[in-house]
Amino acid sequence: MEDNKVKIHQDEKIQVEKDGQTIDCDLLFSFESDDTLKTYLGYTDNSLDTNGRTNIYVSAVDPFAGDLKLEDITDPREIDMIREVLERLDQEANS
């Protein structure tokens, strides 16, 4: 994986469409990939999973598209890259 520079965001919000509703979410981090030419946004709606951990979502944005729509990530290589970034963020937060 290339060395993705991750930007941490504080007090920034984004709006996400979910089940036909607009939800305000906290933007947590973003990074760009030279391989995919996309920007990835990590965000949360502050909901909790069954273990009591905050749900974090990651979506891709094509910065060259006219409208900045959040895209689902389905490519296994992108998923692996995101997993590595999340693991690195977790290690940095716990060190």
Protein backbone atom coordinates (compact mmCIF):
# COMPACT_ATOMS: atom_id res chain seq x y z
CA MET A 1 0.00 0.00 0.00
CA GLU A 2 1.25 3.46 -0.74
CA ASP A 3 1.79 5.77 2.22
CA ASN A 4 -1.64 7.40 2.38
CA LYS A 5 -1.55 10.69 4.25
CA VAL A 6 -4.53 10.71 6.56
CA LYS A 7 -6.09 13.99 7.63
CA ILE A 8 -7.92 13.95 10.95
CA HIS A 9 -11.04 16.13 11.09
CA GLN A 10 -12.54 17.70 14.19
CA ASP A 11 -15.94 19.34 14.44
CA GLU A 12 -16.68 18.83 10.74
CA LYS A 13 -20.01 17.46 9.55
CA ILE A 14 -21.22 15.81 6.38
CA GLN A 15 -24.71 14.83 5.35
CA VAL A 16 -25.40 11.27 4.26
CA GLU A 17 -28.51 9.87 2.59
CA LYS A 18 -29.61 6.67 4.31
CA ASP A 19 -32.93 4.93 3.71
CA GLY A 20 -34.31 8.07 2.08
CA GLN A 21 -33.39 10.29 5.01
CA THR A 22 -30.61 12.85 5.37
CA ILE A 23 -28.44 12.15 8.39
CA ASP A 24 -25.85 14.51 9.86
CA CYS A 25 -22.60 12.66 10.49
CA ASP A 26 -19.29 13.60 12.07
CA LEU A 27 -16.40 13.52 9.60
CA LEU A 28 -13.52 11.71 11.31
CA PHE A 29 -10.77 11.42 8.70
CA SER A 30 -10.00 11.54 5.00
CA PHE A 31 -7.23 10.36 2.73
CA GLU A 32 -6.45 10.28 -0.97
CA SER A 33 -5.19 7.34 -2.97
CA ASP A 34 -2.85 7.76 -5.92
CA ASP A 35 -3.78 4.23 -7.04
CA THR A 36 -7.53 4.82 -7.34
CA LEU A 37 -7.51 8.62 -7.77
CA LYS A 38 -10.26 8.79 -5.15
CA THR A 39 -10.65 10.47 -1.81
CA TYR A 40 -11.93 8.36 1.08
CA LEU A 41 -13.99 9.78 3.94
CA GLY A 42 -14.40 8.13 7.32
CA TYR A 43 -17.46 9.26 9.25
CA THR A 44 -19.88 8.24 11.96
CA ASP A 45 -23.53 8.78 12.76
CA ASN A 46 -22.58 8.03 16.39
CA SER A 47 -24.70 4.89 16.45
CA LEU A 48 -23.36 1.90 18.38
CA ASP A 49 -22.90 -1.69 17.28
CA THR A 50 -23.96 -4.66 19.41
CA ASN A 51 -20.65 -4.50 21.33
CA GLY A 52 -21.17 -0.85 22.26
CA ARG A 53 -18.55 0.45 19.82
CA THR A 54 -19.22 3.48 17.64
CA ASN A 55 -20.01 2.59 14.03
CA ILE A 56 -17.53 4.06 11.55
CA TYR A 57 -18.29 4.14 7.84
CA VAL A 58 -15.95 4.81 4.93
CA SER A 59 -17.06 5.97 1.49
CA ALA A 60 -15.19 6.99 -1.62
CA VAL A 61 -15.54 10.29 -3.42
CA ASP A 62 -14.36 10.89 -6.97
CA PRO A 63 -12.83 14.38 -6.83
CA PHE A 64 -13.03 14.67 -10.62
CA ALA A 65 -16.78 14.08 -10.78
CA GLY A 66 -19.05 17.08 -11.07
CA ASP A 67 -21.06 16.24 -7.96
CA LEU A 68 -19.36 14.81 -4.89
CA LYS A 69 -21.49 11.76 -4.21
CA LEU A 70 -20.45 9.21 -1.62
CA GLU A 71 -19.72 5.91 -3.34
CA ASP A 72 -19.95 2.44 -1.84
CA ILE A 73 -16.66 0.57 -1.72
CA THR A 74 -16.88 -2.93 -3.15
CA ASP A 75 -13.44 -3.55 -4.66
CA PRO A 76 -11.50 -5.99 -2.43
CA ARG A 77 -8.26 -4.04 -2.99
CA GLU A 78 -9.88 -0.83 -1.80
CA ILE A 79 -11.35 -2.62 1.21
CA ASP A 80 -7.90 -3.98 2.13
CA MET A 81 -6.35 -0.52 1.75
CA ILE A 82 -9.01 1.01 4.01
CA ARG A 83 -8.57 -1.76 6.56
CA GLU A 84 -4.83 -0.97 6.69
CA VAL A 85 -5.52 2.74 7.18
CA LEU A 86 -8.02 2.01 9.98
CA GLU A 87 -5.52 -0.31 11.69
CA ARG A 88 -2.82 2.37 11.46
CA LEU A 89 -5.18 4.99 12.93
CA ASP A 90 -6.07 2.62 15.76
CA GLN A 91 -2.40 1.94 16.51
CA GLU A 92 -1.59 5.66 16.51
CA ALA A 93 -4.51 6.42 18.81
CA ASN A 94 -3.43 3.72 21.27
CA SER A 95 0.28 4.59 21.37
